[in-house]
Amino acid sequence: MSLSAKCLIVLFALLLEFAWVAWPRVSAHGYAGDPYRLSERMTALSDYSEHQTPENKAALDREMRLLGKHEHTTLKVSLMIVAVVFADVAGIYWLWRYAPKKTAA
């Protein structure tokens, strides 16, 4: 395999992965870059600060549980991206080092 073909394969794979990671994700709450349920969490916190009732405490606890689940999911996605980067490095290394090379006859 020629050097230019190897470069094209690597560039194509990296561009596809970059597009997948960088593409804006749209959800019911807006873009993924928006703070996760910040207004709901701040409302629950201010309600509990003003009136320490069991209902307000339960609402605040629920928001904190939802935030914890969100952070756990974010950690899993981050670890998945790191694993993909390591797989890319291993694949590129294999392609350059061990891919079949043409031998002159």
PDB file of N, CA and C in Angstrom:
ATOM      1  N   MET A   1       0.850  -1.167   0.000  1.00  0.00           N
ATOM      2  CA  MET A   1       0.000   0.000   0.000  1.00  0.00           C
ATOM      3  C   MET A   1       0.897   1.232   0.000  1.00  0.00           C
ATOM      4  N   SER A   2       0.592   2.167  -0.866  1.00  0.00           N
ATOM      5  CA  SER A   2       1.438   3.351  -0.990  1.00  0.00           C
ATOM      6  C   SER A   2       1.208   4.306   0.177  1.00  0.00           C
ATOM      7  N   LEU A   3       2.148   5.193   0.349  1.00  0.00           N
ATOM      8  CA  LEU A   3       2.078   6.162   1.433  1.00  0.00           C
ATOM      9  C   LEU A   3       0.864   7.083   1.275  1.00  0.00           C
ATOM     10  N   SER A   4       0.568   7.492   0.062  1.00  0.00           N
ATOM     11  CA  SER A   4      -0.573   8.388  -0.138  1.00  0.00           C
ATOM     12  C   SER A   4      -1.904   7.680   0.172  1.00  0.00           C
ATOM     13  N   ALA A   5      -2.011   6.398  -0.154  1.00  0.00           N
ATOM     14  CA  ALA A   5      -3.228   5.655   0.176  1.00  0.00           C
ATOM     15  C   ALA A   5      -3.380   5.529   1.684  1.00  0.00           C
ATOM     16  N   LYS A   6      -2.283   5.276   2.386  1.00  0.00           N
ATOM     17  CA  LYS A   6      -2.325   5.195   3.848  1.00  0.00           C
ATOM     18  C   LYS A   6      -2.763   6.527   4.443  1.00  0.00           C
ATOM     19  N   CYS A   7      -2.207   7.613   3.916  1.00  0.00           N
ATOM     20  CA  CYS A   7      -2.572   8.944   4.420  1.00  0.00           C
ATOM     21  C   CYS A   7      -4.052   9.229   4.186  1.00  0.00           C
ATOM     22  N   LEU A   8      -4.570   8.868   3.017  1.00  0.00           N
ATOM     23  CA  LEU A   8      -5.977   9.098   2.731  1.00  0.00           C
ATOM     24  C   LEU A   8      -6.884   8.288   3.655  1.00  0.00           C
ATOM     25  N   ILE A   9      -6.526   7.043   3.924  1.00  0.00           N
ATOM     26  CA  ILE A   9      -7.321   6.205   4.830  1.00  0.00           C
ATOM     27  C   ILE A   9      -7.343   6.810   6.224  1.00  0.00           C
ATOM     28  N   VAL A  10      -6.190   7.204   6.710  1.00  0.00           N
ATOM     29  CA  VAL A  10      -6.095   7.770   8.059  1.00  0.00           C
ATOM     30  C   VAL A  10      -6.856   9.090   8.139  1.00  0.00           C
ATOM     31  N   LEU A  11      -6.680   9.963   7.165  1.00  0.00           N
ATOM     32  CA  LEU A  11      -7.380  11.248   7.179  1.00  0.00           C
ATOM     33  C   LEU A  11      -8.890  11.071   7.097  1.00  0.00           C
ATOM     34  N   PHE A  12      -9.357  10.160   6.266  1.00  0.00           N
ATOM     35  CA  PHE A  12     -10.785   9.916   6.145  1.00  0.00           C
ATOM     36  C   PHE A  12     -11.370   9.412   7.470  1.00  0.00           C
ATOM     37  N   ALA A  13     -10.682   8.468   8.100  1.00  0.00           N
ATOM     38  CA  ALA A  13     -11.162   7.927   9.382  1.00  0.00           C
ATOM     39  C   ALA A  13     -11.176   9.003  10.464  1.00  0.00           C
ATOM     40  N   LEU A  14     -10.127   9.802  10.522  1.00  0.00           N
ATOM     41  CA  LEU A  14     -10.067  10.854  11.541  1.00  0.00           C
ATOM     42  C   LEU A  14     -11.116  11.940  11.296  1.00  0.00           C
ATOM     43  N   LEU A  15     -11.368  12.287  10.037  1.00  0.00           N
ATOM     44  CA  LEU A  15     -12.401  13.280   9.740  1.00  0.00           C
ATOM     45  C   LEU A  15     -13.796  12.771  10.098  1.00  0.00           C
ATOM     46  N   LEU A  16     -14.071  11.505   9.830  1.00  0.00           N
ATOM     47  CA  LEU A  16     -15.361  10.935  10.223  1.00  0.00           C
ATOM     48  C   LEU A  16     -15.547  10.965  11.736  1.00  0.00           C
ATOM     49  N   GLU A  17     -14.509  10.594  12.468  1.00  0.00           N
ATOM     50  CA  GLU A  17     -14.606  10.602  13.930  1.00  0.00           C
ATOM     51  C   GLU A  17     -14.747  12.023  14.465  1.00  0.00           C
ATOM     52  N   PHE A  18     -14.013  12.955  13.882  1.00  0.00           N
ATOM     53  CA  PHE A  18     -14.130  14.342  14.328  1.00  0.00           C
ATOM     54  C   PHE A  18     -15.525  14.885  14.062  1.00  0.00           C
ATOM     55  N   ALA A  19     -16.083  14.570  12.910  1.00  0.00           N
ATOM     56  CA  ALA A  19     -17.435  15.026  12.595  1.00  0.00           C
ATOM     57  C   ALA A  19     -18.440  14.447  13.580  1.00  0.00           C
ATOM     58  N   TRP A  20     -18.267  13.191  13.965  1.00  0.00           N
ATOM     59  CA  TRP A  20     -19.184  12.567  14.915  1.00  0.00           C
ATOM     60  C   TRP A  20     -19.094  13.230  16.289  1.00  0.00           C
ATOM     61  N   VAL A  21     -17.889  13.571  16.727  1.00  0.00           N
ATOM     62  CA  VAL A  21     -17.714  14.174  18.049  1.00  0.00           C
ATOM     63  C   VAL A  21     -18.116  15.646  18.039  1.00  0.00           C
ATOM     64  N   ALA A  22     -17.767  16.363  16.983  1.00  0.00           N
ATOM     65  CA  ALA A  22     -17.964  17.819  16.967  1.00  0.00           C
ATOM     66  C   ALA A  22     -19.344  18.234  16.477  1.00  0.00           C
ATOM     67  N   TRP A  23     -20.096  17.335  15.868  1.00  0.00           N
ATOM     68  CA  TRP A  23     -21.414  17.700  15.339  1.00  0.00           C
ATOM     69  C   TRP A  23     -22.318  18.120  16.492  1.00  0.00           C
ATOM     70  N   PRO A  24     -22.989  19.254  16.369  1.00  0.00           N
ATOM     71  CA  PRO A  24     -23.830  19.697  17.489  1.00  0.00           C
ATOM     72  C   PRO A  24     -24.999  18.735  17.724  1.00  0.00           C
ATOM     73  N   ARG A  25     -25.137  18.323  18.940  1.00  0.00           N
ATOM     74  CA  ARG A  25     -26.204  17.415  19.305  1.00  0.00           C
ATOM     75  C   ARG A  25     -27.395  18.248  19.790  1.00  0.00           C
ATOM     76  N   VAL A  26     -28.535  18.073  19.182  1.00  0.00           N
ATOM     77  CA  VAL A  26     -29.727  18.818  19.557  1.00  0.00           C
ATOM     78  C   VAL A  26     -30.647  17.884  20.321  1.00  0.00           C
ATOM     79  N   SER A  27     -31.117  18.354  21.461  1.00  0.00           N
ATOM     80  CA  SER A  27     -32.031  17.558  22.276  1.00  0.00           C
ATOM     81  C   SER A  27     -33.248  18.420  22.605  1.00  0.00           C
ATOM     82  N   ALA A  28     -34.135  17.899  23.430  1.00  0.00           N
ATOM     83  CA  ALA A  28     -35.325  18.638  23.819  1.00  0.00           C
ATOM     84  C   ALA A  28     -34.972  19.873  24.645  1.00  0.00           C
ATOM     85  N   HIS A  29     -33.791  19.867  25.272  1.00  0.00           N
ATOM     86  CA  HIS A  29     -33.382  20.979  26.128  1.00  0.00           C
ATOM     87  C   HIS A  29     -32.438  21.931  25.419  1.00  0.00           C
ATOM     88  N   GLY A  30     -32.207  21.764  24.132  1.00  0.00           N
ATOM     89  CA  GLY A  30     -31.301  22.643  23.408  1.00  0.00           C
ATOM     90  C   GLY A  30     -30.038  21.903  23.022  1.00  0.00           C
ATOM     91  N   TYR A  31     -29.000  22.647  22.744  1.00  0.00           N
ATOM     92  CA  TYR A  31     -27.734  22.032  22.358  1.00  0.00           C
ATOM     93  C   TYR A  31     -27.066  21.377  23.553  1.00  0.00           C
ATOM     94  N   ALA A  32     -26.187  20.426  23.257  1.00  0.00           N
ATOM     95  CA  ALA A  32     -25.529  19.668  24.321  1.00  0.00           C
ATOM     96  C   ALA A  32     -24.623  20.554  25.167  1.00  0.00           C
ATOM     97  N   GLY A  33     -24.198  21.682  24.635  1.00  0.00           N
ATOM     98  CA  GLY A  33     -23.324  22.561  25.386  1.00  0.00           C
ATOM     99  C   GLY A  33     -24.026  23.329  26.494  1.00  0.00           C
ATOM    100  N   ASP A  34     -25.355  23.316  26.494  1.00  0.00           N
ATOM    101  CA  ASP A  34     -26.091  24.022  27.536  1.00  0.00           C
ATOM    102  C   ASP A  34     -25.896  23.329  28.881  1.00  0.00           C
ATOM    103  N   PRO A  35     -25.817  24.104  29.972  1.00  0.00           N
ATOM    104  CA  PRO A  35     -25.711  23.484  31.292  1.00  0.00           C
ATOM    105  C   PRO A  35     -26.925  22.597  31.568  1.00  0.00           C
ATOM    106  N   TYR A  36     -26.670  21.420  32.075  1.00  0.00           N
ATOM    107  CA  TYR A  36     -27.729  20.439  32.271  1.00  0.00           C
ATOM    108  C   TYR A  36     -28.665  20.851  33.396  1.00  0.00           C
ATOM    109  N   ARG A  37     -29.899  21.179  33.074  1.00  0.00           N
ATOM    110  CA  ARG A  37     -30.975  21.500  34.013  1.00  0.00           C
ATOM    111  C   ARG A  37     -30.546  22.534  35.058  1.00  0.00           C
ATOM    112  N   LEU A  38     -29.787  23.519  34.638  1.00  0.00           N
ATOM    113  CA  LEU A  38     -29.290  24.521  35.586  1.00  0.00           C
ATOM    114  C   LEU A  38     -30.429  25.345  36.176  1.00  0.00           C
ATOM    115  N   SER A  39     -31.350  25.779  35.348  1.00  0.00           N
ATOM    116  CA  SER A  39     -32.431  26.626  35.872  1.00  0.00           C
ATOM    117  C   SER A  39     -33.314  25.838  36.846  1.00  0.00           C
ATOM    118  N   GLU A  40     -33.617  24.569  36.528  1.00  0.00           N
ATOM    119  CA  GLU A  40     -34.437  23.747  37.432  1.00  0.00           C
ATOM    120  C   GLU A  40     -33.717  23.504  38.761  1.00  0.00           C
ATOM    121  N   ARG A  41     -32.407  23.256  38.675  1.00  0.00           N
ATOM    122  CA  ARG A  41     -31.631  23.002  39.890  1.00  0.00           C
ATOM    123  C   ARG A  41     -31.540  24.248  40.765  1.00  0.00           C
ATOM    124  N   MET A  42     -31.328  25.413  40.134  1.00  0.00           N
ATOM    125  CA  MET A  42     -31.242  26.657  40.900  1.00  0.00           C
ATOM    126  C   MET A  42     -32.596  27.018  41.513  1.00  0.00           C
ATOM    127  N   THR A  43     -33.682  26.727  40.788  1.00  0.00           N
ATOM    128  CA  THR A  43     -35.017  26.973  41.333  1.00  0.00           C
ATOM    129  C   THR A  43     -35.258  26.089  42.555  1.00  0.00           C
ATOM    130  N   ALA A  44     -34.905  24.811  42.453  1.00  0.00           N
ATOM    131  CA  ALA A  44     -35.088  23.897  43.587  1.00  0.00           C
ATOM    132  C   ALA A  44     -34.221  24.325  44.770  1.00  0.00           C
ATOM    133  N   LEU A  45     -33.009  24.765  44.505  1.00  0.00           N
ATOM    134  CA  LEU A  45     -32.120  25.208  45.579  1.00  0.00           C
ATOM    135  C   LEU A  45     -32.656  26.469  46.253  1.00  0.00           C
ATOM    136  N   SER A  46     -33.119  27.435  45.474  1.00  0.00           N
ATOM    137  CA  SER A  46     -33.640  28.665  46.087  1.00  0.00           C
ATOM    138  C   SER A  46     -34.940  28.388  46.847  1.00  0.00           C
ATOM    139  N   ASP A  47     -35.794  27.508  46.311  1.00  0.00           N
ATOM    140  CA  ASP A  47     -37.022  27.147  47.036  1.00  0.00           C
ATOM    141  C   ASP A  47     -36.692  26.491  48.368  1.00  0.00           C
ATOM    142  N   TYR A  48     -35.714  25.594  48.366  1.00  0.00           N
ATOM    143  CA  TYR A  48     -35.346  24.924  49.614  1.00  0.00           C
ATOM    144  C   TYR A  48     -34.672  25.887  50.583  1.00  0.00           C
ATOM    145  N   SER A  49     -33.897  26.839  50.040  1.00  0.00           N
ATOM    146  CA  SER A  49     -33.248  27.826  50.917  1.00  0.00           C
ATOM    147  C   SER A  49     -34.277  28.720  51.605  1.00  0.00           C
ATOM    148  N   GLU A  50     -35.335  29.080  50.881  1.00  0.00           N
ATOM    149  CA  GLU A  50     -36.357  29.959  51.443  1.00  0.00           C
ATOM    150  C   GLU A  50     -37.307  29.215  52.379  1.00  0.00           C
ATOM    151  N   HIS A  51     -37.747  28.028  51.975  1.00  0.00           N
ATOM    152  CA  HIS A  51     -38.711  27.255  52.762  1.00  0.00           C
ATOM    153  C   HIS A  51     -38.227  25.808  52.840  1.00  0.00           C
ATOM    154  N   GLN A  52     -37.719  25.434  53.996  1.00  0.00           N
ATOM    155  CA  GLN A  52     -37.158  24.094  54.144  1.00  0.00           C
ATOM    156  C   GLN A  52     -38.261  23.092  54.480  1.00  0.00           C
ATOM    157  N   THR A  53     -39.026  22.765  53.453  1.00  0.00           N
ATOM    158  CA  THR A  53     -40.101  21.788  53.617  1.00  0.00           C
ATOM    159  C   THR A  53     -39.652  20.455  53.023  1.00  0.00           C
ATOM    160  N   PRO A  54     -40.304  19.366  53.402  1.00  0.00           N
ATOM    161  CA  PRO A  54     -39.945  18.056  52.829  1.00  0.00           C
ATOM    162  C   PRO A  54     -40.132  18.003  51.311  1.00  0.00           C
ATOM    163  N   GLU A  55     -41.131  18.712  50.782  1.00  0.00           N
ATOM    164  CA  GLU A  55     -41.356  18.716  49.336  1.00  0.00           C
ATOM    165  C   GLU A  55     -40.207  19.413  48.603  1.00  0.00           C
ATOM    166  N   ASN A  56     -39.752  20.538  49.155  1.00  0.00           N
ATOM    167  CA  ASN A  56     -38.638  21.253  48.532  1.00  0.00           C
ATOM    168  C   ASN A  56     -37.339  20.455  48.652  1.00  0.00           C
ATOM    169  N   LYS A  57     -37.159  19.775  49.778  1.00  0.00           N
ATOM    170  CA  LYS A  57     -35.973  18.931  49.950  1.00  0.00           C
ATOM    171  C   LYS A  57     -36.001  17.779  48.950  1.00  0.00           C
ATOM    172  N   ALA A  58     -37.176  17.177  48.737  1.00  0.00           N
ATOM    173  CA  ALA A  58     -37.297  16.078  47.781  1.00  0.00           C
ATOM    174  C   ALA A  58     -37.015  16.567  46.358  1.00  0.00           C
ATOM    175  N   ALA A  59     -37.489  17.767  46.018  1.00  0.00           N
ATOM    176  CA  ALA A  59     -37.231  18.322  44.685  1.00  0.00           C
ATOM    177  C   ALA A  59     -35.742  18.586  44.485  1.00  0.00           C
ATOM    178  N   LEU A  60     -35.089  19.123  45.522  1.00  0.00           N
ATOM    179  CA  LEU A  60     -33.648  19.377  45.436  1.00  0.00           C
ATOM    180  C   LEU A  60     -32.878  18.067  45.324  1.00  0.00           C
ATOM    181  N   ASP A  61     -33.257  17.067  46.110  1.00  0.00           N
ATOM    182  CA  ASP A  61     -32.586  15.762  46.031  1.00  0.00           C
ATOM    183  C   ASP A  61     -32.758  15.135  44.648  1.00  0.00           C
ATOM    184  N   ARG A  62     -33.945  15.282  44.077  1.00  0.00           N
ATOM    185  CA  ARG A  62     -34.190  14.738  42.738  1.00  0.00           C
ATOM    186  C   ARG A  62     -33.295  15.411  41.706  1.00  0.00           C
ATOM    187  N   GLU A  63     -33.178  16.730  41.787  1.00  0.00           N
ATOM    188  CA  GLU A  63     -32.316  17.445  40.844  1.00  0.00           C
ATOM    189  C   GLU A  63     -30.858  17.032  41.005  1.00  0.00           C
ATOM    190  N   MET A  64     -30.430  16.817  42.243  1.00  0.00           N
ATOM    191  CA  MET A  64     -29.042  16.399  42.470  1.00  0.00           C
ATOM    192  C   MET A  64     -28.795  14.976  41.951  1.00  0.00           C
ATOM    193  N   ARG A  65     -29.800  14.089  42.101  1.00  0.00           N
ATOM    194  CA  ARG A  65     -29.676  12.740  41.541  1.00  0.00           C
ATOM    195  C   ARG A  65     -29.584  12.786  40.022  1.00  0.00           C
ATOM    196  N   LEU A  66     -30.424  13.624  39.407  1.00  0.00           N
ATOM    197  CA  LEU A  66     -30.375  13.761  37.948  1.00  0.00           C
ATOM    198  C   LEU A  66     -29.029  14.305  37.483  1.00  0.00           C
ATOM    199  N   LEU A  67     -28.473  15.256  38.232  1.00  0.00           N
ATOM    200  CA  LEU A  67     -27.155  15.793  37.894  1.00  0.00           C
ATOM    201  C   LEU A  67     -26.089  14.710  38.020  1.00  0.00           C
ATOM    202  N   GLY A  68     -26.174  13.893  39.059  1.00  0.00           N
ATOM    203  CA  GLY A  68     -25.208  12.805  39.225  1.00  0.00           C
ATOM    204  C   GLY A  68     -25.275  11.804  38.086  1.00  0.00           C
ATOM    205  N   LYS A  69     -26.493  11.458  37.656  1.00  0.00           N
ATOM    206  CA  LYS A  69     -26.637  10.541  36.513  1.00  0.00           C
ATOM    207  C   LYS A  69     -26.057  11.158  35.250  1.00  0.00           C
ATOM    208  N   HIS A  70     -26.304  12.459  35.066  1.00  0.00           N
ATOM    209  CA  HIS A  70     -25.778  13.146  33.890  1.00  0.00           C
ATOM    210  C   HIS A  70     -24.250  13.143  33.904  1.00  0.00           C
ATOM    211  N   GLU A  71     -23.650  13.429  35.053  1.00  0.00           N
ATOM    212  CA  GLU A  71     -22.188  13.444  35.149  1.00  0.00           C
ATOM    213  C   GLU A  71     -21.622  12.050  34.930  1.00  0.00           C
ATOM    214  N   HIS A  72     -22.311  11.019  35.405  1.00  0.00           N
ATOM    215  CA  HIS A  72     -21.852   9.640  35.192  1.00  0.00           C
ATOM    216  C   HIS A  72     -21.881   9.301  33.697  1.00  0.00           C
ATOM    217  N   THR A  73     -22.938   9.705  33.016  1.00  0.00           N
ATOM    218  CA  THR A  73     -23.035   9.473  31.572  1.00  0.00           C
ATOM    219  C   THR A  73     -21.947  10.233  30.835  1.00  0.00           C
ATOM    220  N   THR A  74     -21.678  11.457  31.254  1.00  0.00           N
ATOM    221  CA  THR A  74     -20.625  12.260  30.635  1.00  0.00           C
ATOM    222  C   THR A  74     -19.275  11.589  30.814  1.00  0.00           C
ATOM    223  N   LEU A  75     -19.030  11.011  31.983  1.00  0.00           N
ATOM    224  CA  LEU A  75     -17.773  10.305  32.223  1.00  0.00           C
ATOM    225  C   LEU A  75     -17.649   9.098  31.304  1.00  0.00           C
ATOM    226  N   LYS A  76     -18.738   8.342  31.131  1.00  0.00           N
ATOM    227  CA  LYS A  76     -18.693   7.178  30.241  1.00  0.00           C
ATOM    228  C   LYS A  76     -18.408   7.590  28.804  1.00  0.00           C
ATOM    229  N   VAL A  77     -19.017   8.677  28.353  1.00  0.00           N
ATOM    230  CA  VAL A  77     -18.778   9.150  26.991  1.00  0.00           C
ATOM    231  C   VAL A  77     -17.331   9.609  26.837  1.00  0.00           C
ATOM    232  N   SER A  78     -16.796  10.290  27.848  1.00  0.00           N
ATOM    233  CA  SER A  78     -15.403  10.730  27.796  1.00  0.00           C
ATOM    234  C   SER A  78     -14.454   9.544  27.725  1.00  0.00           C
ATOM    235  N   LEU A  79     -14.722   8.513  28.508  1.00  0.00           N
ATOM    236  CA  LEU A  79     -13.884   7.314  28.462  1.00  0.00           C
ATOM    237  C   LEU A  79     -13.987   6.617  27.110  1.00  0.00           C
ATOM    238  N   MET A  80     -15.168   6.645  26.510  1.00  0.00           N
ATOM    239  CA  MET A  80     -15.340   6.046  25.190  1.00  0.00           C
ATOM    240  C   MET A  80     -14.517   6.812  24.150  1.00  0.00           C
ATOM    241  N   ILE A  81     -14.499   8.126  24.231  1.00  0.00           N
ATOM    242  CA  ILE A  81     -13.713   8.929  23.289  1.00  0.00           C
ATOM    243  C   ILE A  81     -12.231   8.644  23.467  1.00  0.00           C
ATOM    244  N   VAL A  82     -11.774   8.516  24.713  1.00  0.00           N
ATOM    245  CA  VAL A  82     -10.367   8.182  24.960  1.00  0.00           C
ATOM    246  C   VAL A  82     -10.041   6.806  24.380  1.00  0.00           C
ATOM    247  N   ALA A  83     -10.945   5.841  24.532  1.00  0.00           N
ATOM    248  CA  ALA A  83     -10.715   4.503  23.972  1.00  0.00           C
ATOM    249  C   ALA A  83     -10.636   4.550  22.449  1.00  0.00           C
ATOM    250  N   VAL A  84     -11.470   5.376  21.818  1.00  0.00           N
ATOM    251  CA  VAL A  84     -11.424   5.507  20.358  1.00  0.00           C
ATOM    252  C   VAL A  84     -10.106   6.129  19.923  1.00  0.00           C
ATOM    253  N   VAL A  85      -9.618   7.112  20.668  1.00  0.00           N
ATOM    254  CA  VAL A  85      -8.333   7.729  20.332  1.00  0.00           C
ATOM    255  C   VAL A  85      -7.211   6.699  20.439  1.00  0.00           C
ATOM    256  N   PHE A  86      -7.216   5.874  21.490  1.00  0.00           N
ATOM    257  CA  PHE A  86      -6.193   4.829  21.616  1.00  0.00           C
ATOM    258  C   PHE A  86      -6.307   3.821  20.483  1.00  0.00           C
ATOM    259  N   ALA A  87      -7.522   3.467  20.094  1.00  0.00           N
ATOM    260  CA  ALA A  87      -7.700   2.548  18.965  1.00  0.00           C
ATOM    261  C   ALA A  87      -7.194   3.189  17.673  1.00  0.00           C
ATOM    262  N   ASP A  88      -7.412   4.482  17.507  1.00  0.00           N
ATOM    263  CA  ASP A  88      -6.882   5.175  16.329  1.00  0.00           C
ATOM    264  C   ASP A  88      -5.363   5.125  16.295  1.00  0.00           C
ATOM    265  N   VAL A  89      -4.757   5.406  17.424  1.00  0.00           N
ATOM    266  CA  VAL A  89      -3.296   5.386  17.491  1.00  0.00           C
ATOM    267  C   VAL A  89      -2.776   3.982  17.164  1.00  0.00           C
ATOM    268  N   ALA A  90      -3.403   2.959  17.734  1.00  0.00           N
ATOM    269  CA  ALA A  90      -2.970   1.590  17.457  1.00  0.00           C
ATOM    270  C   ALA A  90      -3.185   1.233  15.983  1.00  0.00           C
ATOM    271  N   GLY A  91      -4.319   1.644  15.419  1.00  0.00           N
ATOM    272  CA  GLY A  91      -4.578   1.358  14.013  1.00  0.00           C
ATOM    273  C   GLY A  91      -3.612   2.064  13.081  1.00  0.00           C
ATOM    274  N   ILE A  92      -3.315   3.321  13.372  1.00  0.00           N
ATOM    275  CA  ILE A  92      -2.362   4.060  12.542  1.00  0.00           C
ATOM    276  C   ILE A  92      -0.973   3.451  12.663  1.00  0.00           C
ATOM    277  N   TYR A  93      -0.591   3.074  13.879  1.00  0.00           N
ATOM    278  CA  TYR A  93       0.711   2.440  14.069  1.00  0.00           C
ATOM    279  C   TYR A  93       0.782   1.135  13.283  1.00  0.00           C
ATOM    280  N   TRP A  94      -0.271   0.327  13.359  1.00  0.00           N
ATOM    281  CA  TRP A  94      -0.270  -0.931  12.618  1.00  0.00           C
ATOM    282  C   TRP A  94      -0.219  -0.670  11.117  1.00  0.00           C
ATOM    283  N   LEU A  95      -0.962   0.316  10.646  1.00  0.00           N
ATOM    284  CA  LEU A  95      -1.004   0.613   9.222  1.00  0.00           C
ATOM    285  C   LEU A  95       0.372   1.025   8.717  1.00  0.00           C
ATOM    286  N   TRP A  96       1.069   1.837   9.466  1.00  0.00           N
ATOM    287  CA  TRP A  96       2.378   2.302   9.027  1.00  0.00           C
ATOM    288  C   TRP A  96       3.450   1.237   9.222  1.00  0.00           C
ATOM    289  N   ARG A  97       3.338   0.449  10.286  1.00  0.00           N
ATOM    290  CA  ARG A  97       4.411  -0.462  10.634  1.00  0.00           C
ATOM    291  C   ARG A  97       4.257  -1.853  10.005  1.00  0.00           C
ATOM    292  N   TYR A  98       3.036  -2.384  10.033  1.00  0.00           N
ATOM    293  CA  TYR A  98       2.854  -3.802   9.694  1.00  0.00           C
ATOM    294  C   TYR A  98       1.983  -4.064   8.479  1.00  0.00           C
ATOM    295  N   ALA A  99       1.412  -3.047   7.881  1.00  0.00           N
ATOM    296  CA  ALA A  99       0.583  -3.268   6.695  1.00  0.00           C
ATOM    297  C   ALA A  99       1.446  -3.848   5.585  1.00  0.00           C
ATOM    298  N   PRO A 100       0.850  -4.713   4.761  1.00  0.00           N
ATOM    299  CA  PRO A 100       1.633  -5.311   3.669  1.00  0.00           C
ATOM    300  C   PRO A 100       2.255  -4.236   2.788  1.00  0.00           C
ATOM    301  N   LYS A 101       3.517  -4.441   2.493  1.00  0.00           N
ATOM    302  CA  LYS A 101       4.246  -3.484   1.663  1.00  0.00           C
ATOM    303  C   LYS A 101       4.563  -4.144   0.326  1.00  0.00           C
ATOM    304  N   LYS A 102       4.566  -3.337  -0.723  1.00  0.00           N
ATOM    305  CA  LYS A 102       4.955  -3.861  -2.023  1.00  0.00           C
ATOM    306  C   LYS A 102       6.455  -4.128  -2.023  1.00  0.00           C
ATOM    307  N   THR A 103       6.800  -5.225  -2.570  1.00  0.00           N
ATOM    308  CA  THR A 103       8.242  -5.511  -2.711  1.00  0.00           C
ATOM    309  C   THR A 103       8.593  -5.438  -4.176  1.00  0.00           C
ATOM    310  N   ALA A 104       9.743  -4.892  -4.442  1.00  0.00           N
ATOM    311  CA  ALA A 104      10.176  -4.768  -5.824  1.00  0.00           C
ATOM    312  C   ALA A 104      10.588  -6.150  -6.343  1.00  0.00           C
ATOM    313  N   ALA A 105      10.150  -6.479  -7.533  1.00  0.00           N
ATOM    314  CA  ALA A 105      10.469  -7.787  -8.116  1.00  0.00           C
ATOM    315  C   ALA A 105      11.711  -7.734  -8.941  1.00  0.00           C
TER     316      ALA A 105
END
